[in-house]
Amino acid sequence: AWFRQAPGKEREGVGCISRTGGRTFYAGA
């Protein structure tokens, strides 16, 4: 998974990928 953290903000999720790469999920932003 990828996460990101901007200054002064909590770390938030960006997206993830399954073990085979066959499934991904993304945050709405």
PDB file of all heavy atoms in Angstrom:
ATOM      1  N   ALA A   1       0.838  -1.194   0.000  1.00  0.00           N
ATOM      2  CA  ALA A   1       0.000   0.000   0.000  1.00  0.00           C
ATOM      3  C   ALA A   1       0.873   1.244   0.000  1.00  0.00           C
ATOM      4  O   ALA A   1       2.027   1.209   0.426  1.00  0.00           O
ATOM      5  CB  ALA A   1      -0.936   0.008   1.212  1.00  0.00           C
ATOM      6  N   TRP A   2       0.283   2.308  -0.490  1.00  0.00           N
ATOM      7  CA  TRP A   2       0.935   3.608  -0.427  1.00  0.00           C
ATOM      8  C   TRP A   2       0.146   4.507   0.522  1.00  0.00           C
ATOM      9  O   TRP A   2      -1.093   4.529   0.485  1.00  0.00           O
ATOM     10  CB  TRP A   2       0.997   4.257  -1.809  1.00  0.00           C
ATOM     11  CG  TRP A   2       1.996   3.629  -2.722  1.00  0.00           C
ATOM     12  CD1 TRP A   2       1.777   2.607  -3.610  1.00  0.00           C
ATOM     13  CD2 TRP A   2       3.378   3.974  -2.849  1.00  0.00           C
ATOM     14  NE1 TRP A   2       2.936   2.297  -4.275  1.00  0.00           N
ATOM     15  CE2 TRP A   2       3.936   3.135  -3.831  1.00  0.00           C
ATOM     16  CE3 TRP A   2       4.209   4.919  -2.244  1.00  0.00           C
ATOM     17  CZ2 TRP A   2       5.279   3.197  -4.211  1.00  0.00           C
ATOM     18  CZ3 TRP A   2       5.535   4.982  -2.612  1.00  0.00           C
ATOM     19  CH2 TRP A   2       6.062   4.130  -3.592  1.00  0.00           C
ATOM     20  N   PHE A   3       0.870   5.248   1.328  1.00  0.00           N
ATOM     21  CA  PHE A   3       0.302   6.225   2.231  1.00  0.00           C
ATOM     22  C   PHE A   3       1.032   7.542   2.012  1.00  0.00           C
ATOM     23  O   PHE A   3       2.120   7.578   1.431  1.00  0.00           O
ATOM     24  CB  PHE A   3       0.460   5.780   3.688  1.00  0.00           C
ATOM     25  CG  PHE A   3      -0.273   4.512   4.023  1.00  0.00           C
ATOM     26  CD1 PHE A   3       0.321   3.273   3.830  1.00  0.00           C
ATOM     27  CD2 PHE A   3      -1.572   4.557   4.527  1.00  0.00           C
ATOM     28  CE1 PHE A   3      -0.362   2.102   4.126  1.00  0.00           C
ATOM     29  CE2 PHE A   3      -2.254   3.393   4.823  1.00  0.00           C
ATOM     30  CZ  PHE A   3      -1.646   2.168   4.619  1.00  0.00           C
ATOM     31  N   ARG A   4       0.443   8.613   2.507  1.00  0.00           N
ATOM     32  CA  ARG A   4       1.117   9.904   2.409  1.00  0.00           C
ATOM     33  C   ARG A   4       0.792  10.739   3.625  1.00  0.00           C
ATOM     34  O   ARG A   4      -0.258  10.572   4.255  1.00  0.00           O
ATOM     35  CB  ARG A   4       0.711  10.635   1.134  1.00  0.00           C
ATOM     36  CG  ARG A   4      -0.746  11.059   1.083  1.00  0.00           C
ATOM     37  CD  ARG A   4      -1.065  11.685  -0.284  1.00  0.00           C
ATOM     38  NE  ARG A   4      -2.448  12.163  -0.344  1.00  0.00           N
ATOM     39  CZ  ARG A   4      -3.002  12.685  -1.433  1.00  0.00           C
ATOM     40  NH1 ARG A   4      -2.281  12.801  -2.558  1.00  0.00           N
ATOM     41  NH2 ARG A   4      -4.251  13.096  -1.412  1.00  0.00           N
ATOM     42  N   GLN A   5       1.712  11.625   3.940  1.00  0.00           N
ATOM     43  CA  GLN A   5       1.519  12.511   5.079  1.00  0.00           C
ATOM     44  C   GLN A   5       2.015  13.902   4.729  1.00  0.00           C
ATOM     45  O   GLN A   5       3.200  14.093   4.428  1.00  0.00           O
ATOM     46  CB  GLN A   5       2.242  11.995   6.322  1.00  0.00           C
ATOM     47  CG  GLN A   5       1.927  12.789   7.568  1.00  0.00           C
ATOM     48  CD  GLN A   5       2.402  12.100   8.837  1.00  0.00           C
ATOM     49  OE1 GLN A   5       3.288  11.253   8.804  1.00  0.00           O
ATOM     50  NE2 GLN A   5       1.809  12.451   9.970  1.00  0.00           N
ATOM     51  N   ALA A   6       1.097  14.847   4.772  1.00  0.00           N
ATOM     52  CA  ALA A   6       1.424  16.243   4.533  1.00  0.00           C
ATOM     53  C   ALA A   6       1.736  16.916   5.871  1.00  0.00           C
ATOM     54  O   ALA A   6       1.280  16.446   6.919  1.00  0.00           O
ATOM     55  CB  ALA A   6       0.264  16.936   3.842  1.00  0.00           C
ATOM     56  N   PRO A   7       2.482  18.012   5.859  1.00  0.00           N
ATOM     57  CA  PRO A   7       2.818  18.692   7.114  1.00  0.00           C
ATOM     58  C   PRO A   7       1.572  19.070   7.899  1.00  0.00           C
ATOM     59  O   PRO A   7       0.619  19.633   7.351  1.00  0.00           O
ATOM     60  CB  PRO A   7       3.576  19.928   6.644  1.00  0.00           C
ATOM     61  CG  PRO A   7       4.147  19.546   5.326  1.00  0.00           C
ATOM     62  CD  PRO A   7       3.129  18.643   4.704  1.00  0.00           C
ATOM     63  N   GLY A   8       1.561  18.717   9.164  1.00  0.00           N
ATOM     64  CA  GLY A   8       0.450  19.072  10.027  1.00  0.00           C
ATOM     65  C   GLY A   8      -0.778  18.215   9.873  1.00  0.00           C
ATOM     66  O   GLY A   8      -1.809  18.485  10.500  1.00  0.00           O
ATOM     67  N   LYS A   9      -0.695  17.195   9.048  1.00  0.00           N
ATOM     68  CA  LYS A   9      -1.845  16.326   8.819  1.00  0.00           C
ATOM     69  C   LYS A   9      -1.513  14.885   9.185  1.00  0.00           C
ATOM     70  O   LYS A   9      -0.349  14.501   9.235  1.00  0.00           O
ATOM     71  CB  LYS A   9      -2.297  16.398   7.359  1.00  0.00           C
ATOM     72  CG  LYS A   9      -2.823  17.763   6.946  1.00  0.00           C
ATOM     73  CD  LYS A   9      -3.385  17.723   5.541  1.00  0.00           C
ATOM     74  CE  LYS A   9      -3.964  19.062   5.134  1.00  0.00           C
ATOM     75  NZ  LYS A   9      -4.525  19.029   3.759  1.00  0.00           N
ATOM     76  N   GLU A  10      -2.545  14.116   9.407  1.00  0.00           N
ATOM     77  CA  GLU A  10      -2.350  12.706   9.684  1.00  0.00           C
ATOM     78  C   GLU A  10      -1.991  11.958   8.395  1.00  0.00           C
ATOM     79  O   GLU A  10      -2.353  12.379   7.295  1.00  0.00           O
ATOM     80  CB  GLU A  10      -3.615  12.107  10.301  1.00  0.00           C
ATOM     81  CG  GLU A  10      -3.951  12.644  11.677  1.00  0.00           C
ATOM     82  CD  GLU A  10      -5.131  11.921  12.301  1.00  0.00           C
ATOM     83  OE1 GLU A  10      -5.758  11.098  11.625  1.00  0.00           O
ATOM     84  OE2 GLU A  10      -5.418  12.199  13.480  1.00  0.00           O
ATOM     85  N   ARG A  11      -1.302  10.859   8.591  1.00  0.00           N
ATOM     86  CA  ARG A  11      -0.979  10.025   7.439  1.00  0.00           C
ATOM     87  C   ARG A  11      -2.266   9.405   6.896  1.00  0.00           C
ATOM     88  O   ARG A  11      -3.105   8.917   7.674  1.00  0.00           O
ATOM     89  CB  ARG A  11       0.013   8.942   7.843  1.00  0.00           C
ATOM     90  CG  ARG A  11       0.554   8.137   6.684  1.00  0.00           C
ATOM     91  CD  ARG A  11       1.800   7.376   7.103  1.00  0.00           C
ATOM     92  NE  ARG A  11       1.537   6.491   8.226  1.00  0.00           N
ATOM     93  CZ  ARG A  11       2.490   5.875   8.921  1.00  0.00           C
ATOM     94  NH1 ARG A  11       3.768   6.050   8.591  1.00  0.00           N
ATOM     95  NH2 ARG A  11       2.180   5.076   9.915  1.00  0.00           N
ATOM     96  N   GLU A  12      -2.409   9.418   5.587  1.00  0.00           N
ATOM     97  CA  GLU A  12      -3.623   8.896   4.973  1.00  0.00           C
ATOM     98  C   GLU A  12      -3.273   7.883   3.890  1.00  0.00           C
ATOM     99  O   GLU A  12      -2.195   7.915   3.291  1.00  0.00           O
ATOM    100  CB  GLU A  12      -4.449  10.030   4.361  1.00  0.00           C
ATOM    101  CG  GLU A  12      -3.763  10.750   3.225  1.00  0.00           C
ATOM    102  CD  GLU A  12      -4.645  11.823   2.598  1.00  0.00           C
ATOM    103  OE1 GLU A  12      -5.777  12.028   3.048  1.00  0.00           O
ATOM    104  OE2 GLU A  12      -4.168  12.445   1.622  1.00  0.00           O
ATOM    105  N   GLY A  13      -4.205   6.990   3.645  1.00  0.00           N
ATOM    106  CA  GLY A  13      -4.005   5.983   2.633  1.00  0.00           C
ATOM    107  C   GLY A  13      -4.207   6.529   1.238  1.00  0.00           C
ATOM    108  O   GLY A  13      -5.060   7.390   1.005  1.00  0.00           O
ATOM    109  N   VAL A  14      -3.413   6.033   0.319  1.00  0.00           N
ATOM    110  CA  VAL A  14      -3.510   6.411  -1.090  1.00  0.00           C
ATOM    111  C   VAL A  14      -4.121   5.272  -1.894  1.00  0.00           C
ATOM    112  O   VAL A  14      -5.058   5.457  -2.667  1.00  0.00           O
ATOM    113  CB  VAL A  14      -2.124   6.782  -1.649  1.00  0.00           C
ATOM    114  CG1 VAL A  14      -2.182   6.980  -3.151  1.00  0.00           C
ATOM    115  CG2 VAL A  14      -1.581   8.012  -0.930  1.00  0.00           C
ATOM    116  N   GLY A  15      -3.586   4.081  -1.711  1.00  0.00           N
ATOM    117  CA  GLY A  15      -4.101   2.927  -2.433  1.00  0.00           C
ATOM    118  C   GLY A  15      -3.315   1.684  -2.090  1.00  0.00           C
ATOM    119  O   GLY A  15      -2.299   1.753  -1.406  1.00  0.00           O
ATOM    120  N   CYS A  16      -3.802   0.553  -2.562  1.00  0.00           N
ATOM    121  CA  CYS A  16      -3.104  -0.709  -2.312  1.00  0.00           C
ATOM    122  C   CYS A  16      -3.219  -1.615  -3.530  1.00  0.00           C
ATOM    123  O   CYS A  16      -4.042  -1.387  -4.423  1.00  0.00           O
ATOM    124  CB  CYS A  16      -3.651  -1.410  -1.069  1.00  0.00           C
ATOM    125  SG  CYS A  16      -5.396  -1.858  -1.147  1.00  0.00           S
ATOM    126  N   ILE A  17      -2.366  -2.640  -3.521  1.00  0.00           N
ATOM    127  CA  ILE A  17      -2.360  -3.607  -4.613  1.00  0.00           C
ATOM    128  C   ILE A  17      -2.216  -4.997  -4.025  1.00  0.00           C
ATOM    129  O   ILE A  17      -1.468  -5.206  -3.057  1.00  0.00           O
ATOM    130  CB  ILE A  17      -1.244  -3.298  -5.639  1.00  0.00           C
ATOM    131  CG1 ILE A  17      -1.361  -4.192  -6.871  1.00  0.00           C
ATOM    132  CG2 ILE A  17       0.136  -3.391  -5.003  1.00  0.00           C
ATOM    133  CD1 ILE A  17      -0.516  -3.709  -8.049  1.00  0.00           C
ATOM    134  N   SER A  18      -2.945  -5.939  -4.598  1.00  0.00           N
ATOM    135  CA  SER A  18      -2.913  -7.306  -4.103  1.00  0.00           C
ATOM    136  C   SER A  18      -1.587  -7.993  -4.444  1.00  0.00           C
ATOM    137  O   SER A  18      -0.756  -7.454  -5.175  1.00  0.00           O
ATOM    138  CB  SER A  18      -4.067  -8.108  -4.718  1.00  0.00           C
ATOM    139  OG  SER A  18      -3.898  -8.202  -6.131  1.00  0.00           O
ATOM    140  N   ARG A  19      -1.409  -9.185  -3.914  1.00  0.00           N
ATOM    141  CA  ARG A  19      -0.157  -9.905  -4.106  1.00  0.00           C
ATOM    142  C   ARG A  19       0.155 -10.187  -5.573  1.00  0.00           C
ATOM    143  O   ARG A  19       1.307 -10.110  -5.997  1.00  0.00           O
ATOM    144  CB  ARG A  19      -0.192 -11.218  -3.312  1.00  0.00           C
ATOM    145  CG  ARG A  19      -0.111 -11.006  -1.820  1.00  0.00           C
ATOM    146  CD  ARG A  19      -0.478 -12.264  -1.038  1.00  0.00           C
ATOM    147  NE  ARG A  19      -0.401 -12.032   0.398  1.00  0.00           N
ATOM    148  CZ  ARG A  19      -1.328 -11.381   1.084  1.00  0.00           C
ATOM    149  NH1 ARG A  19      -2.411 -10.927   0.476  1.00  0.00           N
ATOM    150  NH2 ARG A  19      -1.173 -11.200   2.383  1.00  0.00           N
ATOM    151  N   THR A  20      -0.850 -10.507  -6.329  1.00  0.00           N
ATOM    152  CA  THR A  20      -0.622 -10.808  -7.752  1.00  0.00           C
ATOM    153  C   THR A  20      -0.702  -9.568  -8.634  1.00  0.00           C
ATOM    154  O   THR A  20      -0.336  -9.619  -9.808  1.00  0.00           O
ATOM    155  CB  THR A  20      -1.657 -11.813  -8.252  1.00  0.00           C
ATOM    156  OG1 THR A  20      -2.954 -11.215  -8.164  1.00  0.00           O
ATOM    157  CG2 THR A  20      -1.618 -13.095  -7.420  1.00  0.00           C
ATOM    158  N   GLY A  21      -1.201  -8.491  -8.068  1.00  0.00           N
ATOM    159  CA  GLY A  21      -1.406  -7.289  -8.862  1.00  0.00           C
ATOM    160  C   GLY A  21      -2.760  -7.241  -9.540  1.00  0.00           C
ATOM    161  O   GLY A  21      -3.075  -6.286 -10.244  1.00  0.00           O
ATOM    162  N   GLY A  22      -3.567  -8.258  -9.302  1.00  0.00           N
ATOM    163  CA  GLY A  22      -4.843  -8.322  -9.983  1.00  0.00           C
ATOM    164  C   GLY A  22      -5.922  -7.447  -9.390  1.00  0.00           C
ATOM    165  O   GLY A  22      -6.962  -7.221 -10.017  1.00  0.00           O
ATOM    166  N   ARG A  23      -5.685  -6.962  -8.195  1.00  0.00           N
ATOM    167  CA  ARG A  23      -6.673  -6.093  -7.546  1.00  0.00           C
ATOM    168  C   ARG A  23      -5.976  -4.870  -6.982  1.00  0.00           C
ATOM    169  O   ARG A  23      -4.917  -4.965  -6.369  1.00  0.00           O
ATOM    170  CB  ARG A  23      -7.383  -6.836  -6.423  1.00  0.00           C
ATOM    171  CG  ARG A  23      -8.297  -5.952  -5.582  1.00  0.00           C
ATOM    172  CD  ARG A  23      -9.009  -6.746  -4.511  1.00  0.00           C
ATOM    173  NE  ARG A  23      -9.987  -7.666  -5.064  1.00  0.00           N
ATOM    174  CZ  ARG A  23     -10.785  -8.418  -4.325  1.00  0.00           C
ATOM    175  NH1 ARG A  23     -10.728  -8.370  -3.007  1.00  0.00           N
ATOM    176  NH2 ARG A  23     -11.643  -9.235  -4.895  1.00  0.00           N
ATOM    177  N   THR A  24      -6.605  -3.740  -7.202  1.00  0.00           N
ATOM    178  CA  THR A  24      -6.129  -2.491  -6.624  1.00  0.00           C
ATOM    179  C   THR A  24      -7.307  -1.753  -6.011  1.00  0.00           C
ATOM    180  O   THR A  24      -8.468  -1.981  -6.387  1.00  0.00           O
ATOM    181  CB  THR A  24      -5.466  -1.579  -7.665  1.00  0.00           C
ATOM    182  OG1 THR A  24      -6.376  -1.373  -8.763  1.00  0.00           O
ATOM    183  CG2 THR A  24      -4.174  -2.172  -8.191  1.00  0.00           C
ATOM    184  N   PHE A  25      -6.997  -0.891  -5.081  1.00  0.00           N
ATOM    185  CA  PHE A  25      -8.004  -0.034  -4.472  1.00  0.00           C
ATOM    186  C   PHE A  25      -7.370   1.320  -4.236  1.00  0.00           C
ATOM    187  O   PHE A  25      -6.214   1.419  -3.834  1.00  0.00           O
ATOM    188  CB  PHE A  25      -8.502  -0.625  -3.159  1.00  0.00           C
ATOM    189  CG  PHE A  25      -9.466   0.289  -2.457  1.00  0.00           C
ATOM    190  CD1 PHE A  25     -10.788   0.349  -2.861  1.00  0.00           C
ATOM    191  CD2 PHE A  25      -9.046   1.110  -1.420  1.00  0.00           C
ATOM    192  CE1 PHE A  25     -11.673   1.212  -2.234  1.00  0.00           C
ATOM    193  CE2 PHE A  25      -9.919   1.971  -0.792  1.00  0.00           C
ATOM    194  CZ  PHE A  25     -11.231   2.028  -1.199  1.00  0.00           C
ATOM    195  N   TYR A  26      -8.157   2.389  -4.479  1.00  0.00           N
ATOM    196  CA  TYR A  26      -7.639   3.746  -4.349  1.00  0.00           C
ATOM    197  C   TYR A  26      -8.542   4.589  -3.465  1.00  0.00           C
ATOM    198  O   TYR A  26      -9.763   4.444  -3.478  1.00  0.00           O
ATOM    199  CB  TYR A  26      -7.534   4.403  -5.726  1.00  0.00           C
ATOM    200  CG  TYR A  26      -6.623   3.656  -6.667  1.00  0.00           C
ATOM    201  CD1 TYR A  26      -7.133   2.740  -7.570  1.00  0.00           C
ATOM    202  CD2 TYR A  26      -5.241   3.862  -6.633  1.00  0.00           C
ATOM    203  CE1 TYR A  26      -6.304   2.028  -8.422  1.00  0.00           C
ATOM    204  CE2 TYR A  26      -4.409   3.160  -7.482  1.00  0.00           C
ATOM    205  CZ  TYR A  26      -4.947   2.248  -8.377  1.00  0.00           C
ATOM    206  OH  TYR A  26      -4.122   1.551  -9.213  1.00  0.00           O
ATOM    207  N   ALA A  27      -7.928   5.486  -2.742  1.00  0.00           N
ATOM    208  CA  ALA A  27      -8.687   6.473  -2.002  1.00  0.00           C
ATOM    209  C   ALA A  27      -9.382   7.419  -2.977  1.00  0.00           C
ATOM    210  O   ALA A  27      -8.888   7.652  -4.090  1.00  0.00           O
ATOM    211  CB  ALA A  27      -7.759   7.259  -1.081  1.00  0.00           C
ATOM    212  N   GLY A  28     -10.497   7.959  -2.543  1.00  0.00           N
ATOM    213  CA  GLY A  28     -11.283   8.803  -3.422  1.00  0.00           C
ATOM    214  C   GLY A  28     -10.534  10.011  -3.966  1.00  0.00           C
ATOM    215  O   GLY A  28     -10.757  10.429  -5.110  1.00  0.00           O
ATOM    216  N   ALA A  29      -9.635  10.563  -3.161  1.00  0.00           N
ATOM    217  CA  ALA A  29      -8.924  11.771  -3.562  1.00  0.00           C
ATOM    218  C   ALA A  29      -7.976  11.545  -4.735  1.00  0.00           C
ATOM    219  O   ALA A  29      -7.604  12.506  -5.423  1.00  0.00           O
ATOM    220  CB  ALA A  29      -8.148  12.324  -2.376  1.00  0.00           C
TER     221      ALA A  29
END
